[in-house]
Amino acid sequence: MWKNPAIIPSIIKKEINKDLSMLCSGKYHNIIPLKEIFDILENNNVIVLQEDNTPWEGLLCGEDAQANINIGAIWSGDGETYFVPCNNSYLVLSWHRMPSGRYEINVYVS
């Protein structure tokens, strides 16, 4: 865990982005691998958030698009777990559906 939950340290972002790159670089997917993307984030105490700072429950539409999604730190204190929105980062996710029906994905934490 890092000191300030509102700012993800660059070393954590680097680790997340390395794992996201391994998931998507040079690969095509039958679906957009949201579960795998979110698992990588959660393994680093980061969660995708909606505008009201609750866990993201959105959907992605279109064959070619980009989404910038808020992220936050999974933080614990006083015996409770809560989510702190990050001021310095968000999840950037873009996708393109190929003629084969498979998706090319680009995803990283800014």
PDB file of N, CA and C in Angstrom:
ATOM      1  N   MET A   1       0.859  -1.178   0.000  1.00  0.00           N
ATOM      2  CA  MET A   1       0.000   0.000   0.000  1.00  0.00           C
ATOM      3  C   MET A   1       0.901   1.236   0.000  1.00  0.00           C
ATOM      4  N   TRP A   2       0.468   2.249  -0.660  1.00  0.00           N
ATOM      5  CA  TRP A   2       1.249   3.472  -0.723  1.00  0.00           C
ATOM      6  C   TRP A   2       0.711   4.510   0.253  1.00  0.00           C
ATOM      7  N   LYS A   3       1.404   5.647   0.397  1.00  0.00           N
ATOM      8  CA  LYS A   3       1.081   6.624   1.442  1.00  0.00           C
ATOM      9  C   LYS A   3      -0.192   7.417   1.165  1.00  0.00           C
ATOM     10  N   ASN A   4      -0.339   7.963  -0.035  1.00  0.00           N
ATOM     11  CA  ASN A   4      -1.476   8.814  -0.363  1.00  0.00           C
ATOM     12  C   ASN A   4      -2.393   8.063  -1.335  1.00  0.00           C
ATOM     13  N   PRO A   5      -3.594   7.668  -0.908  1.00  0.00           N
ATOM     14  CA  PRO A   5      -4.453   6.868  -1.782  1.00  0.00           C
ATOM     15  C   PRO A   5      -4.937   7.612  -3.016  1.00  0.00           C
ATOM     16  N   ALA A   6      -4.867   8.941  -3.023  1.00  0.00           N
ATOM     17  CA  ALA A   6      -5.357   9.716  -4.163  1.00  0.00           C
ATOM     18  C   ALA A   6      -4.340   9.798  -5.303  1.00  0.00           C
ATOM     19  N   ILE A   7      -3.121   9.337  -5.051  1.00  0.00           N
ATOM     20  CA  ILE A   7      -2.076   9.407  -6.068  1.00  0.00           C
ATOM     21  C   ILE A   7      -1.404   8.035  -6.171  1.00  0.00           C
ATOM     22  N   ILE A   8      -1.580   7.386  -7.318  1.00  0.00           N
ATOM     23  CA  ILE A   8      -0.949   6.089  -7.530  1.00  0.00           C
ATOM     24  C   ILE A   8       0.523   6.323  -7.859  1.00  0.00           C
ATOM     25  N   PRO A   9       1.426   5.701  -7.116  1.00  0.00           N
ATOM     26  CA  PRO A   9       2.857   5.870  -7.411  1.00  0.00           C
ATOM     27  C   PRO A   9       3.206   5.318  -8.796  1.00  0.00           C
ATOM     28  N   SER A  10       4.198   5.927  -9.416  1.00  0.00           N
ATOM     29  CA  SER A  10       4.591   5.515 -10.769  1.00  0.00           C
ATOM     30  C   SER A  10       5.034   4.058 -10.814  1.00  0.00           C
ATOM     31  N   ILE A  11       5.638   3.552  -9.755  1.00  0.00           N
ATOM     32  CA  ILE A  11       6.070   2.155  -9.758  1.00  0.00           C
ATOM     33  C   ILE A  11       4.877   1.193  -9.813  1.00  0.00           C
ATOM     34  N   ILE A  12       3.762   1.573  -9.180  1.00  0.00           N
ATOM     35  CA  ILE A  12       2.542   0.755  -9.231  1.00  0.00           C
ATOM     36  C   ILE A  12       1.941   0.828 -10.634  1.00  0.00           C
ATOM     37  N   LYS A  13       1.880   2.032 -11.213  1.00  0.00           N
ATOM     38  CA  LYS A  13       1.357   2.173 -12.576  1.00  0.00           C
ATOM     39  C   LYS A  13       2.203   1.376 -13.568  1.00  0.00           C
ATOM     40  N   LYS A  14       3.512   1.394 -13.381  1.00  0.00           N
ATOM     41  CA  LYS A  14       4.400   0.654 -14.271  1.00  0.00           C
ATOM     42  C   LYS A  14       4.108  -0.847 -14.192  1.00  0.00           C
ATOM     43  N   GLU A  15       3.897  -1.361 -12.996  1.00  0.00           N
ATOM     44  CA  GLU A  15       3.587  -2.784 -12.815  1.00  0.00           C
ATOM     45  C   GLU A  15       2.243  -3.131 -13.456  1.00  0.00           C
ATOM     46  N   ILE A  16       1.247  -2.298 -13.226  1.00  0.00           N
ATOM     47  CA  ILE A  16      -0.075  -2.519 -13.825  1.00  0.00           C
ATOM     48  C   ILE A  16       0.037  -2.516 -15.348  1.00  0.00           C
ATOM     49  N   ASN A  17       0.697  -1.510 -15.891  1.00  0.00           N
ATOM     50  CA  ASN A  17       0.798  -1.393 -17.345  1.00  0.00           C
ATOM     51  C   ASN A  17       1.581  -2.538 -17.972  1.00  0.00           C
ATOM     52  N   LYS A  18       2.574  -3.049 -17.261  1.00  0.00           N
ATOM     53  CA  LYS A  18       3.311  -4.217 -17.750  1.00  0.00           C
ATOM     54  C   LYS A  18       2.368  -5.412 -17.863  1.00  0.00           C
ATOM     55  N   ASP A  19       1.559  -5.639 -16.833  1.00  0.00           N
ATOM     56  CA  ASP A  19       0.623  -6.769 -16.854  1.00  0.00           C
ATOM     57  C   ASP A  19      -0.475  -6.575 -17.899  1.00  0.00           C
ATOM     58  N   LEU A  20      -0.962  -5.344 -18.059  1.00  0.00           N
ATOM     59  CA  LEU A  20      -1.978  -5.071 -19.081  1.00  0.00           C
ATOM     60  C   LEU A  20      -1.404  -5.295 -20.476  1.00  0.00           C
ATOM     61  N   SER A  21      -0.169  -4.905 -20.665  1.00  0.00           N
ATOM     62  CA  SER A  21       0.484  -5.118 -21.952  1.00  0.00           C
ATOM     63  C   SER A  21       0.620  -6.601 -22.260  1.00  0.00           C
ATOM     64  N   MET A  22       0.978  -7.391 -21.268  1.00  0.00           N
ATOM     65  CA  MET A  22       1.096  -8.840 -21.469  1.00  0.00           C
ATOM     66  C   MET A  22      -0.255  -9.449 -21.831  1.00  0.00           C
ATOM     67  N   LEU A  23      -1.329  -8.905 -21.292  1.00  0.00           N
ATOM     68  CA  LEU A  23      -2.666  -9.404 -21.588  1.00  0.00           C
ATOM     69  C   LEU A  23      -3.093  -9.090 -23.021  1.00  0.00           C
ATOM     70  N   CYS A  24      -2.738  -7.913 -23.519  1.00  0.00           N
ATOM     71  CA  CYS A  24      -3.332  -7.441 -24.776  1.00  0.00           C
ATOM     72  C   CYS A  24      -2.382  -7.277 -25.963  1.00  0.00           C
ATOM     73  N   SER A  25      -1.126  -7.020 -25.734  1.00  0.00           N
ATOM     74  CA  SER A  25      -0.217  -6.716 -26.844  1.00  0.00           C
ATOM     75  C   SER A  25      -0.057  -7.903 -27.789  1.00  0.00           C
ATOM     76  N   GLY A  26      -0.331  -7.634 -29.064  1.00  0.00           N
ATOM     77  CA  GLY A  26      -0.150  -8.658 -30.091  1.00  0.00           C
ATOM     78  C   GLY A  26      -1.170  -9.770 -30.052  1.00  0.00           C
ATOM     79  N   LYS A  27      -2.268  -9.567 -29.333  1.00  0.00           N
ATOM     80  CA  LYS A  27      -3.287 -10.611 -29.200  1.00  0.00           C
ATOM     81  C   LYS A  27      -4.640 -10.060 -29.636  1.00  0.00           C
ATOM     82  N   TYR A  28      -5.483 -10.958 -30.096  1.00  0.00           N
ATOM     83  CA  TYR A  28      -6.854 -10.607 -30.449  1.00  0.00           C
ATOM     84  C   TYR A  28      -7.786 -11.399 -29.548  1.00  0.00           C
ATOM     85  N   HIS A  29      -8.906 -10.794 -29.171  1.00  0.00           N
ATOM     86  CA  HIS A  29      -9.804 -11.374 -28.182  1.00  0.00           C
ATOM     87  C   HIS A  29     -11.210 -11.539 -28.759  1.00  0.00           C
ATOM     88  N   ASN A  30     -11.880 -12.606 -28.351  1.00  0.00           N
ATOM     89  CA  ASN A  30     -13.268 -12.824 -28.768  1.00  0.00           C
ATOM     90  C   ASN A  30     -14.209 -11.829 -28.095  1.00  0.00           C
ATOM     91  N   ILE A  31     -13.841 -11.392 -26.907  1.00  0.00           N
ATOM     92  CA  ILE A  31     -14.594 -10.367 -26.164  1.00  0.00           C
ATOM     93  C   ILE A  31     -13.578  -9.396 -25.573  1.00  0.00           C
ATOM     94  N   ILE A  32     -14.051  -8.238 -25.149  1.00  0.00           N
ATOM     95  CA  ILE A  32     -13.168  -7.308 -24.450  1.00  0.00           C
ATOM     96  C   ILE A  32     -12.931  -7.895 -23.056  1.00  0.00           C
ATOM     97  N   PRO A  33     -11.686  -8.181 -22.696  1.00  0.00           N
ATOM     98  CA  PRO A  33     -11.389  -8.926 -21.465  1.00  0.00           C
ATOM     99  C   PRO A  33     -11.469  -8.070 -20.192  1.00  0.00           C
ATOM    100  N   LEU A  34     -12.648  -7.549 -19.909  1.00  0.00           N
ATOM    101  CA  LEU A  34     -12.801  -6.663 -18.751  1.00  0.00           C
ATOM    102  C   LEU A  34     -12.448  -7.347 -17.439  1.00  0.00           C
ATOM    103  N   LYS A  35     -12.888  -8.579 -17.249  1.00  0.00           N
ATOM    104  CA  LYS A  35     -12.605  -9.268 -15.985  1.00  0.00           C
ATOM    105  C   LYS A  35     -11.100  -9.363 -15.759  1.00  0.00           C
ATOM    106  N   GLU A  36     -10.366  -9.749 -16.785  1.00  0.00           N
ATOM    107  CA  GLU A  36      -8.921  -9.885 -16.661  1.00  0.00           C
ATOM    108  C   GLU A  36      -8.262  -8.529 -16.405  1.00  0.00           C
ATOM    109  N   ILE A  37      -8.745  -7.487 -17.081  1.00  0.00           N
ATOM    110  CA  ILE A  37      -8.216  -6.135 -16.873  1.00  0.00           C
ATOM    111  C   ILE A  37      -8.464  -5.698 -15.437  1.00  0.00           C
ATOM    112  N   PHE A  38      -9.699  -5.889 -14.974  1.00  0.00           N
ATOM    113  CA  PHE A  38     -10.048  -5.468 -13.611  1.00  0.00           C
ATOM    114  C   PHE A  38      -9.294  -6.292 -12.568  1.00  0.00           C
ATOM    115  N   ASP A  39      -9.051  -7.570 -12.841  1.00  0.00           N
ATOM    116  CA  ASP A  39      -8.270  -8.409 -11.917  1.00  0.00           C
ATOM    117  C   ASP A  39      -6.842  -7.886 -11.777  1.00  0.00           C
ATOM    118  N   ILE A  40      -6.244  -7.471 -12.891  1.00  0.00           N
ATOM    119  CA  ILE A  40      -4.891  -6.913 -12.843  1.00  0.00           C
ATOM    120  C   ILE A  40      -4.866  -5.667 -11.961  1.00  0.00           C
ATOM    121  N   LEU A  41      -5.869  -4.806 -12.125  1.00  0.00           N
ATOM    122  CA  LEU A  41      -5.934  -3.606 -11.295  1.00  0.00           C
ATOM    123  C   LEU A  41      -6.094  -3.966  -9.819  1.00  0.00           C
ATOM    124  N   GLU A  42      -7.034  -4.853  -9.532  1.00  0.00           N
ATOM    125  CA  GLU A  42      -7.312  -5.209  -8.131  1.00  0.00           C
ATOM    126  C   GLU A  42      -6.129  -5.895  -7.473  1.00  0.00           C
ATOM    127  N   ASN A  43      -5.330  -6.634  -8.239  1.00  0.00           N
ATOM    128  CA  ASN A  43      -4.121  -7.244  -7.680  1.00  0.00           C
ATOM    129  C   ASN A  43      -3.111  -6.195  -7.226  1.00  0.00           C
ATOM    130  N   ASN A  44      -3.305  -4.957  -7.682  1.00  0.00           N
ATOM    131  CA  ASN A  44      -2.436  -3.841  -7.301  1.00  0.00           C
ATOM    132  C   ASN A  44      -3.175  -2.803  -6.464  1.00  0.00           C
ATOM    133  N   ASN A  45      -4.276  -3.230  -5.803  1.00  0.00           N
ATOM    134  CA  ASN A  45      -5.078  -2.361  -4.925  1.00  0.00           C
ATOM    135  C   ASN A  45      -5.694  -1.169  -5.645  1.00  0.00           C
ATOM    136  N   VAL A  46      -6.085  -1.379  -6.901  1.00  0.00           N
ATOM    137  CA  VAL A  46      -6.735  -0.347  -7.694  1.00  0.00           C
ATOM    138  C   VAL A  46      -8.062  -0.899  -8.191  1.00  0.00           C
ATOM    139  N   ILE A  47      -9.080  -0.042  -8.256  1.00  0.00           N
ATOM    140  CA  ILE A  47     -10.405  -0.459  -8.708  1.00  0.00           C
ATOM    141  C   ILE A  47     -10.946   0.566  -9.701  1.00  0.00           C
ATOM    142  N   VAL A  48     -11.749   0.094 -10.627  1.00  0.00           N
ATOM    143  CA  VAL A  48     -12.403   0.972 -11.596  1.00  0.00           C
ATOM    144  C   VAL A  48     -13.662   1.526 -10.937  1.00  0.00           C
ATOM    145  N   LEU A  49     -13.849   2.854 -11.039  1.00  0.00           N
ATOM    146  CA  LEU A  49     -14.940   3.527 -10.327  1.00  0.00           C
ATOM    147  C   LEU A  49     -15.901   4.237 -11.272  1.00  0.00           C
ATOM    148  N   GLN A  50     -17.150   4.310 -10.831  1.00  0.00           N
ATOM    149  CA  GLN A  50     -18.146   5.146 -11.485  1.00  0.00           C
ATOM    150  C   GLN A  50     -17.972   6.575 -10.973  1.00  0.00           C
ATOM    151  N   GLU A  51     -18.789   7.482 -11.501  1.00  0.00           N
ATOM    152  CA  GLU A  51     -18.686   8.888 -11.110  1.00  0.00           C
ATOM    153  C   GLU A  51     -18.988   9.118  -9.633  1.00  0.00           C
ATOM    154  N   ASP A  52     -19.785   8.233  -9.017  1.00  0.00           N
ATOM    155  CA  ASP A  52     -20.124   8.388  -7.598  1.00  0.00           C
ATOM    156  C   ASP A  52     -19.168   7.623  -6.684  1.00  0.00           C
ATOM    157  N   ASN A  53     -18.031   7.198  -7.232  1.00  0.00           N
ATOM    158  CA  ASN A  53     -16.965   6.500  -6.500  1.00  0.00           C
ATOM    159  C   ASN A  53     -17.379   5.130  -5.966  1.00  0.00           C
ATOM    160  N   THR A  54     -18.312   4.483  -6.638  1.00  0.00           N
ATOM    161  CA  THR A  54     -18.658   3.096  -6.363  1.00  0.00           C
ATOM    162  C   THR A  54     -18.053   2.250  -7.475  1.00  0.00           C
ATOM    163  N   PRO A  55     -17.917   0.930  -7.263  1.00  0.00           N
ATOM    164  CA  PRO A  55     -17.338   0.086  -8.316  1.00  0.00           C
ATOM    165  C   PRO A  55     -18.090   0.228  -9.647  1.00  0.00           C
ATOM    166  N   TRP A  56     -17.326   0.253 -10.723  1.00  0.00           N
ATOM    167  CA  TRP A  56     -17.851   0.465 -12.065  1.00  0.00           C
ATOM    168  C   TRP A  56     -18.787  -0.655 -12.479  1.00  0.00           C
ATOM    169  N   GLU A  57     -19.925  -0.296 -13.024  1.00  0.00           N
ATOM    170  CA  GLU A  57     -20.898  -1.267 -13.521  1.00  0.00           C
ATOM    171  C   GLU A  57     -21.361  -0.886 -14.923  1.00  0.00           C
ATOM    172  N   GLY A  58     -20.500  -0.223 -15.666  1.00  0.00           N
ATOM    173  CA  GLY A  58     -20.864   0.270 -16.984  1.00  0.00           C
ATOM    174  C   GLY A  58     -20.819  -0.795 -18.054  1.00  0.00           C
ATOM    175  N   LEU A  59     -21.019  -0.350 -19.274  1.00  0.00           N
ATOM    176  CA  LEU A  59     -20.899  -1.224 -20.422  1.00  0.00           C
ATOM    177  C   LEU A  59     -20.185  -0.478 -21.525  1.00  0.00           C
ATOM    178  N   LEU A  60     -19.650  -1.248 -22.450  1.00  0.00           N
ATOM    179  CA  LEU A  60     -18.908  -0.681 -23.566  1.00  0.00           C
ATOM    180  C   LEU A  60     -19.698  -0.933 -24.837  1.00  0.00           C
ATOM    181  N   CYS A  61     -19.798   0.076 -25.686  1.00  0.00           N
ATOM    182  CA  CYS A  61     -20.575  -0.031 -26.913  1.00  0.00           C
ATOM    183  C   CYS A  61     -19.726   0.355 -28.111  1.00  0.00           C
ATOM    184  N   GLY A  62     -20.034  -0.235 -29.239  1.00  0.00           N
ATOM    185  CA  GLY A  62     -19.397   0.144 -30.494  1.00  0.00           C
ATOM    186  C   GLY A  62     -18.301  -0.806 -30.910  1.00  0.00           C
ATOM    187  N   GLU A  63     -18.021  -0.760 -32.203  1.00  0.00           N
ATOM    188  CA  GLU A  63     -16.968  -1.611 -32.751  1.00  0.00           C
ATOM    189  C   GLU A  63     -15.595  -0.950 -32.674  1.00  0.00           C
ATOM    190  N   ASP A  64     -15.578   0.371 -32.629  1.00  0.00           N
ATOM    191  CA  ASP A  64     -14.350   1.147 -32.496  1.00  0.00           C
ATOM    192  C   ASP A  64     -14.629   2.273 -31.521  1.00  0.00           C
ATOM    193  N   ALA A  65     -13.932   2.277 -30.399  1.00  0.00           N
ATOM    194  CA  ALA A  65     -14.177   3.334 -29.427  1.00  0.00           C
ATOM    195  C   ALA A  65     -13.045   3.394 -28.412  1.00  0.00           C
ATOM    196  N   GLN A  66     -13.109   4.442 -27.599  1.00  0.00           N
ATOM    197  CA  GLN A  66     -12.175   4.602 -26.492  1.00  0.00           C
ATOM    198  C   GLN A  66     -12.948   5.062 -25.277  1.00  0.00           C
ATOM    199  N   ALA A  67     -12.577   4.546 -24.123  1.00  0.00           N
ATOM    200  CA  ALA A  67     -13.191   4.955 -22.862  1.00  0.00           C
ATOM    201  C   ALA A  67     -12.083   5.322 -21.886  1.00  0.00           C
ATOM    202  N   ASN A  68     -12.288   6.434 -21.207  1.00  0.00           N
ATOM    203  CA  ASN A  68     -11.413   6.842 -20.105  1.00  0.00           C
ATOM    204  C   ASN A  68     -12.233   6.672 -18.839  1.00  0.00           C
ATOM    205  N   ILE A  69     -11.830   5.735 -17.998  1.00  0.00           N
ATOM    206  CA  ILE A  69     -12.638   5.350 -16.839  1.00  0.00           C
ATOM    207  C   ILE A  69     -11.888   5.708 -15.564  1.00  0.00           C
ATOM    208  N   ASN A  70     -12.605   6.307 -14.624  1.00  0.00           N
ATOM    209  CA  ASN A  70     -12.015   6.675 -13.333  1.00  0.00           C
ATOM    210  C   ASN A  70     -11.532   5.435 -12.593  1.00  0.00           C
ATOM    211  N   ILE A  71     -10.436   5.604 -11.878  1.00  0.00           N
ATOM    212  CA  ILE A  71      -9.938   4.536 -11.016  1.00  0.00           C
ATOM    213  C   ILE A  71      -9.699   5.096  -9.626  1.00  0.00           C
ATOM    214  N   GLY A  72      -9.571   4.186  -8.674  1.00  0.00           N
ATOM    215  CA  GLY A  72      -9.316   4.596  -7.305  1.00  0.00           C
ATOM    216  C   GLY A  72      -8.526   3.537  -6.565  1.00  0.00           C
ATOM    217  N   ALA A  73      -8.039   3.925  -5.424  1.00  0.00           N
ATOM    218  CA  ALA A  73      -7.300   3.009  -4.563  1.00  0.00           C
ATOM    219  C   ALA A  73      -8.283   2.231  -3.696  1.00  0.00           C
ATOM    220  N   ILE A  74      -7.995   0.957  -3.517  1.00  0.00           N
ATOM    221  CA  ILE A  74      -8.731   0.146  -2.549  1.00  0.00           C
ATOM    222  C   ILE A  74      -8.007   0.353  -1.227  1.00  0.00           C
ATOM    223  N   TRP A  75      -8.659   1.013  -0.283  1.00  0.00           N
ATOM    224  CA  TRP A  75      -8.005   1.476   0.932  1.00  0.00           C
ATOM    225  C   TRP A  75      -8.708   0.904   2.147  1.00  0.00           C
ATOM    226  N   SER A  76      -7.961   0.663   3.192  1.00  0.00           N
ATOM    227  CA  SER A  76      -8.524   0.131   4.432  1.00  0.00           C
ATOM    228  C   SER A  76      -8.194   1.063   5.582  1.00  0.00           C
ATOM    229  N   GLY A  77      -9.136   1.161   6.492  1.00  0.00           N
ATOM    230  CA  GLY A  77      -8.929   1.955   7.690  1.00  0.00           C
ATOM    231  C   GLY A  77     -10.084   1.760   8.641  1.00  0.00           C
ATOM    232  N   ASP A  78      -9.805   1.718   9.912  1.00  0.00           N
ATOM    233  CA  ASP A  78     -10.826   1.522  10.943  1.00  0.00           C
ATOM    234  C   ASP A  78     -11.645   0.257  10.695  1.00  0.00           C
ATOM    235  N   GLY A  79     -10.984  -0.781  10.188  1.00  0.00           N
ATOM    236  CA  GLY A  79     -11.668  -2.058   9.963  1.00  0.00           C
ATOM    237  C   GLY A  79     -12.592  -2.084   8.760  1.00  0.00           C
ATOM    238  N   GLU A  80     -12.573  -1.025   7.949  1.00  0.00           N
ATOM    239  CA  GLU A  80     -13.427  -0.963   6.770  1.00  0.00           C
ATOM    240  C   GLU A  80     -12.580  -0.799   5.513  1.00  0.00           C
ATOM    241  N   THR A  81     -13.120  -1.274   4.398  1.00  0.00           N
ATOM    242  CA  THR A  81     -12.484  -1.075   3.103  1.00  0.00           C
ATOM    243  C   THR A  81     -13.309  -0.050   2.341  1.00  0.00           C
ATOM    244  N   TYR A  82     -12.639   0.901   1.720  1.00  0.00           N
ATOM    245  CA  TYR A  82     -13.335   1.918   0.948  1.00  0.00           C
ATOM    246  C   TYR A  82     -12.481   2.277  -0.265  1.00  0.00           C
ATOM    247  N   PHE A  83     -13.047   3.067  -1.173  1.00  0.00           N
ATOM    248  CA  PHE A  83     -12.386   3.414  -2.422  1.00  0.00           C
ATOM    249  C   PHE A  83     -12.107   4.914  -2.448  1.00  0.00           C
ATOM    250  N   VAL A  84     -10.858   5.253  -2.757  1.00  0.00           N
ATOM    251  CA  VAL A  84     -10.438   6.651  -2.819  1.00  0.00           C
ATOM    252  C   VAL A  84     -10.126   6.979  -4.275  1.00  0.00           C
ATOM    253  N   PRO A  85     -10.868   7.912  -4.894  1.00  0.00           N
ATOM    254  CA  PRO A  85     -10.597   8.269  -6.284  1.00  0.00           C
ATOM    255  C   PRO A  85      -9.171   8.793  -6.462  1.00  0.00           C
ATOM    256  N   CYS A  86      -8.527   8.395  -7.545  1.00  0.00           N
ATOM    257  CA  CYS A  86      -7.161   8.832  -7.826  1.00  0.00           C
ATOM    258  C   CYS A  86      -7.192  10.111  -8.647  1.00  0.00           C
ATOM    259  N   ASN A  87      -6.371  11.062  -8.242  1.00  0.00           N
ATOM    260  CA  ASN A  87      -6.297  12.359  -8.916  1.00  0.00           C
ATOM    261  C   ASN A  87      -5.369  12.353 -10.116  1.00  0.00           C
ATOM    262  N   ASN A  88      -4.446  11.401 -10.160  1.00  0.00           N
ATOM    263  CA  ASN A  88      -3.404  11.460 -11.181  1.00  0.00           C
ATOM    264  C   ASN A  88      -3.514  10.391 -12.256  1.00  0.00           C
ATOM    265  N   SER A  89      -4.586   9.611 -12.270  1.00  0.00           N
ATOM    266  CA  SER A  89      -4.641   8.486 -13.200  1.00  0.00           C
ATOM    267  C   SER A  89      -6.065   8.117 -13.558  1.00  0.00           C
ATOM    268  N   TYR A  90      -6.211   7.470 -14.700  1.00  0.00           N
ATOM    269  CA  TYR A  90      -7.449   6.811 -15.073  1.00  0.00           C
ATOM    270  C   TYR A  90      -7.115   5.678 -16.028  1.00  0.00           C
ATOM    271  N   LEU A  91      -8.069   4.797 -16.247  1.00  0.00           N
ATOM    272  CA  LEU A  91      -7.898   3.677 -17.145  1.00  0.00           C
ATOM    273  C   LEU A  91      -8.272   4.122 -18.548  1.00  0.00           C
ATOM    274  N   VAL A  92      -7.354   3.934 -19.490  1.00  0.00           N
ATOM    275  CA  VAL A  92      -7.604   4.253 -20.889  1.00  0.00           C
ATOM    276  C   VAL A  92      -7.776   2.918 -21.614  1.00  0.00           C
ATOM    277  N   LEU A  93      -8.936   2.737 -22.221  1.00  0.00           N
ATOM    278  CA  LEU A  93      -9.259   1.481 -22.895  1.00  0.00           C
ATOM    279  C   LEU A  93      -9.796   1.801 -24.283  1.00  0.00           C
ATOM    280  N   SER A  94      -9.140   1.280 -25.300  1.00  0.00           N
ATOM    281  CA  SER A  94      -9.649   1.435 -26.661  1.00  0.00           C
ATOM    282  C   SER A  94      -9.746   0.060 -27.299  1.00  0.00           C
ATOM    283  N   TRP A  95     -10.693  -0.069 -28.219  1.00  0.00           N
ATOM    284  CA  TRP A  95     -10.910  -1.352 -28.870  1.00  0.00           C
ATOM    285  C   TRP A  95     -11.312  -1.138 -30.319  1.00  0.00           C
ATOM    286  N   HIS A  96     -11.018  -2.154 -31.115  1.00  0.00           N
ATOM    287  CA  HIS A  96     -11.389  -2.180 -32.530  1.00  0.00           C
ATOM    288  C   HIS A  96     -11.824  -3.605 -32.846  1.00  0.00           C
ATOM    289  N   ARG A  97     -13.006  -3.725 -33.420  1.00  0.00           N
ATOM    290  CA  ARG A  97     -13.492  -5.049 -33.808  1.00  0.00           C
ATOM    291  C   ARG A  97     -13.056  -5.312 -35.244  1.00  0.00           C
ATOM    292  N   MET A  98     -12.283  -6.355 -35.405  1.00  0.00           N
ATOM    293  CA  MET A  98     -11.726  -6.732 -36.693  1.00  0.00           C
ATOM    294  C   MET A  98     -12.818  -7.372 -37.561  1.00  0.00           C
ATOM    295  N   PRO A  99     -12.613  -7.464 -38.888  1.00  0.00           N
ATOM    296  CA  PRO A  99     -13.584  -8.155 -39.746  1.00  0.00           C
ATOM    297  C   PRO A  99     -13.847  -9.604 -39.314  1.00  0.00           C
ATOM    298  N   SER A 100     -12.879 -10.210 -38.631  1.00  0.00           N
ATOM    299  CA  SER A 100     -13.044 -11.581 -38.136  1.00  0.00           C
ATOM    300  C   SER A 100     -14.002 -11.654 -36.943  1.00  0.00           C
ATOM    301  N   GLY A 101     -14.344 -10.487 -36.368  1.00  0.00           N
ATOM    302  CA  GLY A 101     -15.189 -10.457 -35.177  1.00  0.00           C
ATOM    303  C   GLY A 101     -14.404 -10.396 -33.885  1.00  0.00           C
ATOM    304  N   ARG A 102     -13.097 -10.552 -33.970  1.00  0.00           N
ATOM    305  CA  ARG A 102     -12.253 -10.489 -32.772  1.00  0.00           C
ATOM    306  C   ARG A 102     -11.843  -9.052 -32.516  1.00  0.00           C
ATOM    307  N   TYR A 103     -11.487  -8.774 -31.251  1.00  0.00           N
ATOM    308  CA  TYR A 103     -11.145  -7.419 -30.831  1.00  0.00           C
ATOM    309  C   TYR A 103      -9.648  -7.236 -30.669  1.00  0.00           C
ATOM    310  N   GLU A 104      -9.188  -6.084 -31.133  1.00  0.00           N
ATOM    311  CA  GLU A 104      -7.843  -5.621 -30.820  1.00  0.00           C
ATOM    312  C   GLU A 104      -8.007  -4.607 -29.693  1.00  0.00           C
ATOM    313  N   ILE A 105      -7.270  -4.793 -28.611  1.00  0.00           N
ATOM    314  CA  ILE A 105      -7.434  -3.994 -27.395  1.00  0.00           C
ATOM    315  C   ILE A 105      -6.147  -3.237 -27.097  1.00  0.00           C
ATOM    316  N   ASN A 106      -6.299  -1.986 -26.685  1.00  0.00           N
ATOM    317  CA  ASN A 106      -5.189  -1.214 -26.143  1.00  0.00           C
ATOM    318  C   ASN A 106      -5.676  -0.688 -24.793  1.00  0.00           C
ATOM    319  N   VAL A 107      -4.949  -0.985 -23.730  1.00  0.00           N
ATOM    320  CA  VAL A 107      -5.375  -0.565 -22.399  1.00  0.00           C
ATOM    321  C   VAL A 107      -4.153  -0.218 -21.558  1.00  0.00           C
ATOM    322  N   TYR A 108      -4.278   0.876 -20.790  1.00  0.00           N
ATOM    323  CA  TYR A 108      -3.204   1.268 -19.889  1.00  0.00           C
ATOM    324  C   TYR A 108      -3.754   2.214 -18.833  1.00  0.00           C
ATOM    325  N   VAL A 109      -2.994   2.390 -17.762  1.00  0.00           N
ATOM    326  CA  VAL A 109      -3.294   3.369 -16.737  1.00  0.00           C
ATOM    327  C   VAL A 109      -2.448   4.590 -17.025  1.00  0.00           C
ATOM    328  N   SER A 110      -3.097   5.738 -17.163  1.00  0.00           N
ATOM    329  CA  SER A 110      -2.373   6.974 -17.507  1.00  0.00           C
ATOM    330  C   SER A 110      -1.591   7.498 -16.316  1.00  0.00           C
TER     331      SER A 110
END
